[in-house]
Amino acid sequence: MSDQATVFEPYPFRVGERILRRRQGKLEDWDVIAVTDKEVTVKCPFHGMELTWKRSSFWYGGETAAAADSKA
């Protein structure tokens, strides 16, 4: 078992932000259209499809627990 752990933290989504989400080897293109404390709603700029995701924890930045501990 590894001594390092990947840090997951809430991503600070902003309305109007354009994001790319990698899923099953493909990049999905989304525009953020609504943000609450619990959910983020995105819209595909090509197809117009809207999705609402729960805002739990999103990994970003590649930080590990060892690196996060050294910043504290």
Protein backbone atom coordinates (compact mmCIF):
# COMPACT_ATOMS: atom_id res chain seq x y z
CA MET A 1 0.00 0.00 0.00
CA SER A 2 1.29 3.47 -0.90
CA ASP A 3 2.32 6.04 1.72
CA GLN A 4 0.98 8.84 -0.50
CA ALA A 5 -2.67 9.65 -1.09
CA THR A 6 -4.23 11.74 -3.84
CA VAL A 7 -5.98 14.88 -2.58
CA PHE A 8 -9.58 15.42 -3.70
CA GLU A 9 -11.11 18.81 -3.05
CA PRO A 10 -14.07 20.82 -4.30
CA TYR A 11 -13.30 22.60 -7.54
CA PRO A 12 -14.33 26.30 -7.44
CA PHE A 13 -16.66 26.27 -10.47
CA ARG A 14 -17.74 29.68 -11.83
CA VAL A 15 -20.73 30.46 -14.06
CA GLY A 16 -19.48 31.17 -17.58
CA GLU A 17 -16.44 28.95 -17.19
CA ARG A 18 -15.75 26.46 -19.98
CA ILE A 19 -14.48 23.09 -18.83
CA LEU A 20 -13.19 19.94 -20.49
CA ARG A 21 -13.92 16.65 -18.75
CA ARG A 22 -11.95 13.56 -19.67
CA ARG A 23 -14.20 10.50 -19.72
CA GLN A 24 -13.47 7.10 -21.22
CA GLY A 25 -10.52 8.50 -23.18
CA LYS A 26 -12.54 11.37 -24.72
CA LEU A 27 -12.71 15.04 -23.82
CA GLU A 28 -16.19 16.41 -23.21
CA ASP A 29 -16.73 20.16 -23.65
CA TRP A 30 -19.08 21.90 -21.18
CA ASP A 31 -20.10 25.45 -20.22
CA VAL A 32 -20.91 26.03 -16.54
CA ILE A 33 -24.37 27.65 -16.39
CA ALA A 34 -25.30 27.37 -12.67
CA VAL A 35 -23.47 26.70 -9.40
CA THR A 36 -24.87 26.07 -5.91
CA ASP A 37 -23.25 24.75 -2.75
CA LYS A 38 -24.42 21.24 -3.66
CA GLU A 39 -24.60 21.09 -7.49
CA VAL A 40 -23.09 22.41 -10.70
CA THR A 41 -25.12 22.56 -13.92
CA VAL A 42 -23.32 22.37 -17.24
CA LYS A 43 -24.44 22.67 -20.85
CA CYS A 44 -22.87 21.17 -23.97
CA PRO A 45 -22.17 24.07 -26.38
CA PHE A 46 -22.63 21.76 -29.39
CA HIS A 47 -25.72 19.71 -28.58
CA GLY A 48 -27.39 21.93 -25.98
CA MET A 49 -27.72 19.02 -23.51
CA GLU A 50 -27.73 20.07 -19.85
CA LEU A 51 -26.50 17.97 -16.93
CA THR A 52 -26.44 18.60 -13.20
CA TRP A 53 -23.60 17.08 -11.20
CA LYS A 54 -23.37 16.79 -7.43
CA ARG A 55 -20.57 18.97 -6.12
CA SER A 56 -18.80 16.49 -3.92
CA SER A 57 -15.06 16.30 -4.49
CA PHE A 58 -13.30 16.73 -7.79
CA TRP A 59 -9.62 15.92 -8.16
CA TYR A 60 -7.53 18.58 -9.77
CA GLY A 61 -3.90 19.60 -9.81
CA GLY A 62 -2.32 16.22 -9.17
CA GLU A 63 -1.51 17.01 -5.55
CA THR A 64 -0.71 14.25 -3.09
CA ALA A 65 -1.23 14.23 0.67
CA ALA A 66 2.54 14.46 1.24
CA ALA A 67 2.68 17.66 -0.85
CA ALA A 68 -0.44 19.09 0.84
CA ASP A 69 1.02 18.43 4.31
CA SER A 70 4.21 20.32 3.43
CA LYS A 71 2.13 23.41 2.45
CA ALA A 72 0.32 23.55 5.82
